[in-house]
């Protein structure tokens, strides 16, 4: 009850209630009286505003989580079982972890050791990569190169090379890295504009929009989405929950 009152009061005070029907239930006089009472209470105990804002944020988070879970369930196999998606870990693992990442994203790069530890400790995890180039032309070029390298069995090797290299990704860097890895540069360069490579990137972008992913990295385990760089313990907990 207290949470509901706090939420209502803050919404009224900020004149931006997300519950128009609730706000409409008060007369102008009642609204003025409520605001006066709240202002007086805030003078006596400013922590009321902090607690009320926390209630609003908690409610927003719950609503976002519910919407994300529904979107994940609606996508179904299109999210976890798209034929040809790059896979790491155990290809036959019973738990699938989907990673939306950008090859130039510093937070994605920061997650490399965390993911490596997770896969080393749990051999029943199937990691599905979703290349999501959202940081400009270099990111698009990198994603195209990685998916082209997949045609030569070199996705993971080029992935590791680019993700541990400098933040800039251009054709010269890709050519140097792929050549060192023993990949056929001319074939890779040609495959970077192959229709299936471009379609895969477009599909990943479309899925990210349906999931309302705001940036990289973003992780999905079961019907739970975790945005941003997350702790190993959080990933492990999500995996445990997905096994239930």
C-alpha atoms as a PDB file:
ATOM      1  CA  UNK A   1       0.000   0.000   0.000  1.00  0.00           C
ATOM      2  CA  UNK A   2       2.783   2.386   0.959  1.00  0.00           C
ATOM      3  CA  UNK A   3       4.571   1.743  -2.335  1.00  0.00           C
ATOM      4  CA  UNK A   4       1.422   2.592  -4.261  1.00  0.00           C
ATOM      5  CA  UNK A   5       0.973   5.832  -2.329  1.00  0.00           C
ATOM      6  CA  UNK A   6       4.607   6.820  -2.809  1.00  0.00           C
ATOM      7  CA  UNK A   7       4.407   6.131  -6.527  1.00  0.00           C
ATOM      8  CA  UNK A   8       1.185   8.096  -6.856  1.00  0.00           C
ATOM      9  CA  UNK A   9       2.528  11.040  -4.886  1.00  0.00           C
ATOM     10  CA  UNK A  10       5.742  11.316  -6.888  1.00  0.00           C
ATOM     11  CA  UNK A  11       3.870  11.061 -10.170  1.00  0.00           C
ATOM     12  CA  UNK A  12       1.578  13.855  -9.090  1.00  0.00           C
ATOM     13  CA  UNK A  13       4.443  16.003  -7.857  1.00  0.00           C
ATOM     14  CA  UNK A  14       6.333  15.599 -11.099  1.00  0.00           C
ATOM     15  CA  UNK A  15       3.131  16.135 -13.109  1.00  0.00           C
ATOM     16  CA  UNK A  16       4.020  13.140 -15.295  1.00  0.00           C
ATOM     17  CA  UNK A  17       1.896  10.307 -14.040  1.00  0.00           C
ATOM     18  CA  UNK A  18       2.243   7.079 -16.062  1.00  0.00           C
ATOM     19  CA  UNK A  19      -1.237   6.171 -14.784  1.00  0.00           C
ATOM     20  CA  UNK A  20      -3.548   8.826 -16.330  1.00  0.00           C
ATOM     21  CA  UNK A  21      -6.680   7.064 -15.067  1.00  0.00           C
ATOM     22  CA  UNK A  22      -5.362   7.167 -11.503  1.00  0.00           C
ATOM     23  CA  UNK A  23      -4.472  10.851 -11.693  1.00  0.00           C
ATOM     24  CA  UNK A  24      -7.855  11.654 -13.251  1.00  0.00           C
ATOM     25  CA  UNK A  25      -9.561  10.229 -10.161  1.00  0.00           C
ATOM     26  CA  UNK A  26      -8.572  13.284  -8.100  1.00  0.00           C
ATOM     27  CA  UNK A  27     -10.329  16.642  -8.202  1.00  0.00           C
ATOM     28  CA  UNK A  28      -8.149  19.741  -8.637  1.00  0.00           C
ATOM     29  CA  UNK A  29      -8.665  20.531  -4.946  1.00  0.00           C
ATOM     30  CA  UNK A  30      -7.667  17.016  -3.883  1.00  0.00           C
ATOM     31  CA  UNK A  31      -4.618  17.172  -6.136  1.00  0.00           C
ATOM     32  CA  UNK A  32      -3.532  20.457  -4.551  1.00  0.00           C
ATOM     33  CA  UNK A  33      -4.052  19.056  -1.060  1.00  0.00           C
ATOM     34  CA  UNK A  34      -2.050  15.929  -1.847  1.00  0.00           C
ATOM     35  CA  UNK A  35       0.820  17.935  -3.316  1.00  0.00           C
ATOM     36  CA  UNK A  36       0.812  20.255  -0.295  1.00  0.00           C
ATOM     37  CA  UNK A  37       0.901  17.278   2.069  1.00  0.00           C
ATOM     38  CA  UNK A  38       3.729  15.692   0.123  1.00  0.00           C
ATOM     39  CA  UNK A  39       5.767  18.892   0.002  1.00  0.00           C
ATOM     40  CA  UNK A  40       5.380  19.273   3.735  1.00  0.00           C
ATOM     41  CA  UNK A  41       6.429  15.637   4.242  1.00  0.00           C
ATOM     42  CA  UNK A  42       9.457  16.109   2.001  1.00  0.00           C
ATOM     43  CA  UNK A  43      10.611  19.047   4.101  1.00  0.00           C
ATOM     44  CA  UNK A  44      10.472  16.860   7.183  1.00  0.00           C
ATOM     45  CA  UNK A  45      11.896  13.720   5.579  1.00  0.00           C
ATOM     46  CA  UNK A  46      13.579  14.135   2.146  1.00  0.00           C
ATOM     47  CA  UNK A  47      14.205  10.363   1.991  1.00  0.00           C
ATOM     48  CA  UNK A  48      10.548   9.951   0.969  1.00  0.00           C
ATOM     49  CA  UNK A  49      11.363  11.224  -2.511  1.00  0.00           C
ATOM     50  CA  UNK A  50      14.338   8.867  -2.811  1.00  0.00           C
ATOM     51  CA  UNK A  51      12.203   5.905  -1.768  1.00  0.00           C
ATOM     52  CA  UNK A  52       9.396   6.863  -4.130  1.00  0.00           C
ATOM     53  CA  UNK A  53      11.758   7.222  -7.083  1.00  0.00           C
ATOM     54  CA  UNK A  54      13.194   3.796  -6.217  1.00  0.00           C
ATOM     55  CA  UNK A  55       9.653   2.395  -6.362  1.00  0.00           C
ATOM     56  CA  UNK A  56       9.108   3.912  -9.798  1.00  0.00           C
ATOM     57  CA  UNK A  57      12.436   2.576 -11.057  1.00  0.00           C
ATOM     58  CA  UNK A  58      11.692  -0.880  -9.688  1.00  0.00           C
ATOM     59  CA  UNK A  59       8.339  -0.889 -11.436  1.00  0.00           C
ATOM     60  CA  UNK A  60       9.899   0.242 -14.723  1.00  0.00           C
ATOM     61  CA  UNK A  61      12.511  -2.531 -14.449  1.00  0.00           C
ATOM     62  CA  UNK A  62       9.867  -5.174 -13.812  1.00  0.00           C
ATOM     63  CA  UNK A  63       7.826  -3.999 -16.775  1.00  0.00           C
ATOM     64  CA  UNK A  64      10.911  -4.026 -19.027  1.00  0.00           C
ATOM     65  CA  UNK A  65      11.862  -7.527 -17.857  1.00  0.00           C
ATOM     66  CA  UNK A  66       8.350  -8.801 -18.484  1.00  0.00           C
ATOM     67  CA  UNK A  67       8.286  -7.298 -21.987  1.00  0.00           C
ATOM     68  CA  UNK A  68      11.735  -8.720 -22.791  1.00  0.00           C
ATOM     69  CA  UNK A  69      10.753 -12.203 -21.615  1.00  0.00           C
ATOM     70  CA  UNK A  70       7.636 -12.119 -23.780  1.00  0.00           C
ATOM     71  CA  UNK A  71       9.658 -11.011 -26.818  1.00  0.00           C
ATOM     72  CA  UNK A  72      12.233 -13.759 -26.226  1.00  0.00           C
ATOM     73  CA  UNK A  73       9.527 -16.419 -26.038  1.00  0.00           C
ATOM     74  CA  UNK A  74       7.860 -15.053 -29.177  1.00  0.00           C
ATOM     75  CA  UNK A  75      11.117 -15.289 -31.144  1.00  0.00           C
ATOM     76  CA  UNK A  76      11.712 -18.878 -30.052  1.00  0.00           C
ATOM     77  CA  UNK A  77      14.099 -20.837 -32.313  1.00  0.00           C
ATOM     78  CA  UNK A  78      14.770 -17.743 -34.452  1.00  0.00           C
ATOM     79  CA  UNK A  79      16.805 -16.486 -31.531  1.00  0.00           C
ATOM     80  CA  UNK A  80      18.688 -19.596 -30.478  1.00  0.00           C
ATOM     81  CA  UNK A  81      18.537 -22.026 -33.395  1.00  0.00           C
ATOM     82  CA  UNK A  82      19.086 -19.969 -36.538  1.00  0.00           C
ATOM     83  CA  UNK A  83      21.004 -22.290 -38.898  1.00  0.00           C
ATOM     84  CA  UNK A  84      24.544 -21.096 -39.472  1.00  0.00           C
ATOM     85  CA  UNK A  85      24.843 -18.881 -36.412  1.00  0.00           C
ATOM     86  CA  UNK A  86      28.421 -18.980 -35.044  1.00  0.00           C
ATOM     87  CA  UNK A  87      28.587 -21.151 -31.931  1.00  0.00           C
ATOM     88  CA  UNK A  88      31.220 -21.525 -29.200  1.00  0.00           C
ATOM     89  CA  UNK A  89      31.374 -23.720 -26.125  1.00  0.00           C
ATOM     90  CA  UNK A  90      29.506 -27.004 -26.429  1.00  0.00           C
ATOM     91  CA  UNK A  91      27.478 -27.091 -29.689  1.00  0.00           C
ATOM     92  CA  UNK A  92      25.223 -29.688 -28.037  1.00  0.00           C
ATOM     93  CA  UNK A  93      24.973 -27.904 -24.691  1.00  0.00           C
ATOM     94  CA  UNK A  94      21.616 -28.013 -22.931  1.00  0.00           C
ATOM     95  CA  UNK A  95      21.752 -24.322 -21.988  1.00  0.00           C
ATOM     96  CA  UNK A  96      22.056 -21.694 -24.718  1.00  0.00           C
ATOM     97  CA  UNK A  97      23.617 -18.319 -24.007  1.00  0.00           C
ATOM     98  CA  UNK A  98      23.069 -15.759 -26.766  1.00  0.00           C
ATOM     99  CA  UNK A  99      25.478 -12.833 -26.995  1.00  0.00           C
ATOM    100  CA  UNK A 100      24.670  -9.734 -29.031  1.00  0.00           C
ATOM    101  CA  UNK A 101      27.977  -7.948 -29.442  1.00  0.00           C
ATOM    102  CA  UNK A 102      29.873  -5.403 -31.511  1.00  0.00           C
ATOM    103  CA  UNK A 103      33.467  -6.224 -32.400  1.00  0.00           C
ATOM    104  CA  UNK A 104      34.522  -2.648 -31.526  1.00  0.00           C
ATOM    105  CA  UNK A 105      32.538  -2.388 -28.283  1.00  0.00           C
ATOM    106  CA  UNK A 106      34.884  -1.911 -25.276  1.00  0.00           C
ATOM    107  CA  UNK A 107      32.379  -3.516 -22.904  1.00  0.00           C
ATOM    108  CA  UNK A 108      32.079  -6.556 -25.161  1.00  0.00           C
ATOM    109  CA  UNK A 109      35.854  -6.849 -25.154  1.00  0.00           C
ATOM    110  CA  UNK A 110      35.878  -6.589 -21.387  1.00  0.00           C
ATOM    111  CA  UNK A 111      33.568  -9.621 -21.258  1.00  0.00           C
ATOM    112  CA  UNK A 112      35.984 -11.923 -23.123  1.00  0.00           C
ATOM    113  CA  UNK A 113      37.702 -13.362 -20.020  1.00  0.00           C
ATOM    114  CA  UNK A 114      34.376 -13.654 -18.201  1.00  0.00           C
ATOM    115  CA  UNK A 115      32.845 -15.705 -21.012  1.00  0.00           C
ATOM    116  CA  UNK A 116      36.009 -17.796 -21.327  1.00  0.00           C
ATOM    117  CA  UNK A 117      35.860 -18.624 -17.616  1.00  0.00           C
ATOM    118  CA  UNK A 118      32.153 -19.466 -17.827  1.00  0.00           C
ATOM    119  CA  UNK A 119      32.674 -21.878 -20.724  1.00  0.00           C
ATOM    120  CA  UNK A 120      35.742 -23.427 -19.087  1.00  0.00           C
ATOM    121  CA  UNK A 121      33.842 -24.094 -15.872  1.00  0.00           C
ATOM    122  CA  UNK A 122      30.596 -25.297 -17.433  1.00  0.00           C
ATOM    123  CA  UNK A 123      30.876 -27.593 -20.449  1.00  0.00           C
ATOM    124  CA  UNK A 124      27.121 -27.772 -20.954  1.00  0.00           C
ATOM    125  CA  UNK A 125      26.754 -24.222 -22.319  1.00  0.00           C
ATOM    126  CA  UNK A 126      26.199 -23.434 -25.970  1.00  0.00           C
ATOM    127  CA  UNK A 127      27.250 -19.860 -26.778  1.00  0.00           C
ATOM    128  CA  UNK A 128      25.563 -18.342 -29.830  1.00  0.00           C
ATOM    129  CA  UNK A 129      27.126 -15.205 -31.301  1.00  0.00           C
ATOM    130  CA  UNK A 130      24.882 -12.521 -32.764  1.00  0.00           C
ATOM    131  CA  UNK A 131      27.053  -9.936 -34.511  1.00  0.00           C
ATOM    132  CA  UNK A 132      25.389  -6.576 -33.936  1.00  0.00           C
ATOM    133  CA  UNK A 133      27.376  -3.775 -35.613  1.00  0.00           C
ATOM    134  CA  UNK A 134      26.025  -0.612 -34.026  1.00  0.00           C
ATOM    135  CA  UNK A 135      29.177   1.500 -33.611  1.00  0.00           C
ATOM    136  CA  UNK A 136      29.703   2.709 -37.150  1.00  0.00           C
ATOM    137  CA  UNK A 137      31.278   1.571 -40.432  1.00  0.00           C
ATOM    138  CA  UNK A 138      34.202  -0.178 -38.741  1.00  0.00           C
ATOM    139  CA  UNK A 139      31.788  -2.338 -36.780  1.00  0.00           C
ATOM    140  CA  UNK A 140      29.868  -3.258 -39.932  1.00  0.00           C
ATOM    141  CA  UNK A 141      33.115  -4.131 -41.695  1.00  0.00           C
ATOM    142  CA  UNK A 142      34.212  -6.270 -38.749  1.00  0.00           C
ATOM    143  CA  UNK A 143      30.914  -8.152 -38.596  1.00  0.00           C
ATOM    144  CA  UNK A 144      31.012  -8.853 -42.317  1.00  0.00           C
ATOM    145  CA  UNK A 145      34.601 -10.099 -42.015  1.00  0.00           C
ATOM    146  CA  UNK A 146      33.779 -12.422 -39.142  1.00  0.00           C
ATOM    147  CA  UNK A 147      30.825 -14.001 -40.916  1.00  0.00           C
ATOM    148  CA  UNK A 148      32.920 -14.310 -44.065  1.00  0.00           C
ATOM    149  CA  UNK A 149      35.671 -16.014 -42.050  1.00  0.00           C
ATOM    150  CA  UNK A 150      33.077 -18.488 -40.817  1.00  0.00           C
ATOM    151  CA  UNK A 151      32.922 -19.867 -44.354  1.00  0.00           C
ATOM    152  CA  UNK A 152      36.569 -20.893 -43.911  1.00  0.00           C
ATOM    153  CA  UNK A 153      36.111 -22.222 -40.382  1.00  0.00           C
ATOM    154  CA  UNK A 154      37.894 -19.188 -38.988  1.00  0.00           C
ATOM    155  CA  UNK A 155      35.151 -17.262 -37.188  1.00  0.00           C
ATOM    156  CA  UNK A 156      36.366 -17.866 -33.646  1.00  0.00           C
ATOM    157  CA  UNK A 157      40.019 -17.240 -34.503  1.00  0.00           C
ATOM    158  CA  UNK A 158      39.318 -13.952 -36.257  1.00  0.00           C
ATOM    159  CA  UNK A 159      36.864 -13.016 -33.520  1.00  0.00           C
ATOM    160  CA  UNK A 160      39.557 -13.448 -30.872  1.00  0.00           C
ATOM    161  CA  UNK A 161      42.144 -11.575 -32.942  1.00  0.00           C
ATOM    162  CA  UNK A 162      39.927  -8.560 -33.619  1.00  0.00           C
ATOM    163  CA  UNK A 163      38.448  -8.439 -30.123  1.00  0.00           C
ATOM    164  CA  UNK A 164      41.877  -8.415 -28.488  1.00  0.00           C
ATOM    165  CA  UNK A 165      43.411  -5.970 -30.980  1.00  0.00           C
ATOM    166  CA  UNK A 166      43.080  -2.209 -31.235  1.00  0.00           C
ATOM    167  CA  UNK A 167      39.661  -0.521 -31.159  1.00  0.00           C
ATOM    168  CA  UNK A 168      39.867   0.486 -34.827  1.00  0.00           C
ATOM    169  CA  UNK A 169      38.743  -2.048 -37.412  1.00  0.00           C
ATOM    170  CA  UNK A 170      39.459  -1.438 -41.086  1.00  0.00           C
ATOM    171  CA  UNK A 171      40.273  -3.483 -44.151  1.00  0.00           C
ATOM    172  CA  UNK A 172      44.031  -3.371 -43.601  1.00  0.00           C
ATOM    173  CA  UNK A 173      43.672  -4.652 -40.044  1.00  0.00           C
ATOM    174  CA  UNK A 174      41.308  -7.407 -41.155  1.00  0.00           C
ATOM    175  CA  UNK A 175      43.609  -8.430 -44.006  1.00  0.00           C
ATOM    176  CA  UNK A 176      46.646  -8.571 -41.714  1.00  0.00           C
ATOM    177  CA  UNK A 177      44.821 -10.538 -39.027  1.00  0.00           C
ATOM    178  CA  UNK A 178      43.205 -13.002 -41.417  1.00  0.00           C
ATOM    179  CA  UNK A 179      46.473 -13.627 -43.249  1.00  0.00           C
ATOM    180  CA  UNK A 180      48.287 -14.355 -39.973  1.00  0.00           C
ATOM    181  CA  UNK A 181      45.542 -16.834 -39.143  1.00  0.00           C
ATOM    182  CA  UNK A 182      46.034 -18.649 -42.439  1.00  0.00           C
ATOM    183  CA  UNK A 183      42.742 -17.570 -43.970  1.00  0.00           C
ATOM    184  CA  UNK A 184      42.382 -16.927 -47.690  1.00  0.00           C
ATOM    185  CA  UNK A 185      42.168 -13.146 -47.856  1.00  0.00           C
ATOM    186  CA  UNK A 186      40.834 -12.905 -51.398  1.00  0.00           C
ATOM    187  CA  UNK A 187      38.030 -15.345 -50.635  1.00  0.00           C
ATOM    188  CA  UNK A 188      37.270 -13.637 -47.333  1.00  0.00           C
ATOM    189  CA  UNK A 189      37.150 -10.225 -49.011  1.00  0.00           C
ATOM    190  CA  UNK A 190      34.747 -11.532 -51.649  1.00  0.00           C
ATOM    191  CA  UNK A 191      32.560 -13.284 -49.056  1.00  0.00           C
ATOM    192  CA  UNK A 192      32.263 -10.086 -47.010  1.00  0.00           C
ATOM    193  CA  UNK A 193      29.696  -8.857 -49.526  1.00  0.00           C
ATOM    194  CA  UNK A 194      27.974 -12.220 -50.016  1.00  0.00           C
ATOM    195  CA  UNK A 195      24.154 -11.993 -49.801  1.00  0.00           C
ATOM    196  CA  UNK A 196      23.936 -14.514 -46.953  1.00  0.00           C
ATOM    197  CA  UNK A 197      26.471 -12.555 -44.881  1.00  0.00           C
ATOM    198  CA  UNK A 198      24.586  -9.301 -45.362  1.00  0.00           C
ATOM    199  CA  UNK A 199      21.286 -11.069 -44.653  1.00  0.00           C
ATOM    200  CA  UNK A 200      22.644 -12.505 -41.395  1.00  0.00           C
ATOM    201  CA  UNK A 201      23.619  -9.051 -40.141  1.00  0.00           C
ATOM    202  CA  UNK A 202      20.258  -7.616 -41.179  1.00  0.00           C
ATOM    203  CA  UNK A 203      18.490 -10.451 -39.360  1.00  0.00           C
ATOM    204  CA  UNK A 204      20.487  -9.833 -36.183  1.00  0.00           C
ATOM    205  CA  UNK A 205      19.603  -6.152 -36.307  1.00  0.00           C
ATOM    206  CA  UNK A 206      15.927  -6.995 -36.813  1.00  0.00           C
ATOM    207  CA  UNK A 207      15.936  -9.378 -33.839  1.00  0.00           C
ATOM    208  CA  UNK A 208      17.651  -6.781 -31.658  1.00  0.00           C
ATOM    209  CA  UNK A 209      14.905  -4.285 -32.487  1.00  0.00           C
ATOM    210  CA  UNK A 210      12.219  -6.789 -31.508  1.00  0.00           C
ATOM    211  CA  UNK A 211      14.003  -7.307 -28.217  1.00  0.00           C
ATOM    212  CA  UNK A 212      14.501  -3.531 -27.843  1.00  0.00           C
ATOM    213  CA  UNK A 213      18.215  -4.010 -27.236  1.00  0.00           C
ATOM    214  CA  UNK A 214      19.677  -0.559 -26.619  1.00  0.00           C
ATOM    215  CA  UNK A 215      23.372  -1.378 -26.925  1.00  0.00           C
ATOM    216  CA  UNK A 216      26.060  -4.003 -26.676  1.00  0.00           C
ATOM    217  CA  UNK A 217      26.722  -6.370 -25.140  1.00  0.00           C
ATOM    218  CA  UNK A 218      23.397  -8.008 -24.333  1.00  0.00           C
ATOM    219  CA  UNK A 219      23.018 -11.573 -23.096  1.00  0.00           C
ATOM    220  CA  UNK A 220      20.038 -13.905 -23.185  1.00  0.00           C
ATOM    221  CA  UNK A 221      19.716 -17.111 -21.190  1.00  0.00           C
ATOM    222  CA  UNK A 222      16.369 -18.864 -21.215  1.00  0.00           C
ATOM    223  CA  UNK A 223      13.783 -16.083 -21.255  1.00  0.00           C
ATOM    224  CA  UNK A 224      15.973 -13.681 -19.304  1.00  0.00           C
ATOM    225  CA  UNK A 225      17.890 -10.779 -20.878  1.00  0.00           C
ATOM    226  CA  UNK A 226      20.909  -9.138 -19.241  1.00  0.00           C
ATOM    227  CA  UNK A 227      22.070  -5.877 -20.862  1.00  0.00           C
ATOM    228  CA  UNK A 228      25.605  -4.594 -20.560  1.00  0.00           C
ATOM    229  CA  UNK A 229      28.764  -6.111 -19.155  1.00  0.00           C
ATOM    230  CA  UNK A 230      27.666  -8.470 -16.374  1.00  0.00           C
ATOM    231  CA  UNK A 231      29.472 -10.344 -13.636  1.00  0.00           C
ATOM    232  CA  UNK A 232      30.400 -14.012 -13.918  1.00  0.00           C
ATOM    233  CA  UNK A 233      28.184 -14.757 -10.916  1.00  0.00           C
ATOM    234  CA  UNK A 234      25.161 -13.223 -12.689  1.00  0.00           C
ATOM    235  CA  UNK A 235      25.740 -15.327 -15.788  1.00  0.00           C
ATOM    236  CA  UNK A 236      26.152 -18.455 -13.682  1.00  0.00           C
ATOM    237  CA  UNK A 237      22.933 -17.713 -11.800  1.00  0.00           C
ATOM    238  CA  UNK A 238      21.074 -17.217 -15.083  1.00  0.00           C
ATOM    239  CA  UNK A 239      22.385 -20.545 -16.377  1.00  0.00           C
ATOM    240  CA  UNK A 240      21.270 -22.312 -13.195  1.00  0.00           C
ATOM    241  CA  UNK A 241      17.812 -20.735 -13.510  1.00  0.00           C
ATOM    242  CA  UNK A 242      17.569 -21.814 -17.164  1.00  0.00           C
ATOM    243  CA  UNK A 243      18.217 -25.437 -16.174  1.00  0.00           C
ATOM    244  CA  UNK A 244      15.238 -25.540 -13.808  1.00  0.00           C
END
